[in-house]
Amino acid sequence: MKNIKNLETERLLLKPISTDDAGLILELYNSPRFIEFIGDRNIRTLEDAENYIVGKFLPQMERIGFGNYLIERKSDSMKIGAVGIFERDGLDVHDIGFSFLPEFEGQGYGFESASKLLATAFNEFGLKKISAITTKTNFSSQKLIERLGLKYIKTVRIPNDEEELLYYEIENAN
């Protein structure tokens, strides 16, 4: 694995996701808002979660040096969610995504973690442009995406998904 470092904010640690985080992925991916707004990934057991991490997240991390990060609260080492920059089928631009356990939503963790990852993507990963997609009904995600500085561009459909999504982009100012 490439030397992938942890990222840090005032309240949070962002760590490259590993199979040690299968418990969080199992809980997160089965939370009602995740299923409603992102979709059911059919992760029902810890083994399913480990296989998802190994099959979906680790190959990108290994290949390009970044991907999905576990978000851990510094104050109590609680695993609260995930934020990542992904290569996504059907999108030409790397995509930022985030999700939190329900009890940690609305506390500023999304903006704090995603802002750090965006800055790192531009300044260290060498990305020039980053996109975000969300459903038309996920208003909290739309609000966060816009607060991060991404601008609405158009609607898109990604392969194997019939839902029309809102597509946003931001370009590196440097």
Foldseek 3Di string as FASTA:
>chain_A
DPPADWDDDPWKIWAQDALVCLVVCQQFLPAPVNCVKVRRPPQHDSVSSNCCCVPPAVVVCVVQVFFKTFIATPVPRDGFWIWTWADAAPDPFTEIDITTRVVPPPPCPLLRVVLRVVVCCVPPSVGFKYKYKIAPPPVVVVVSCVVSPWDWDDWDDGPPGPGIITMTMDGDPD
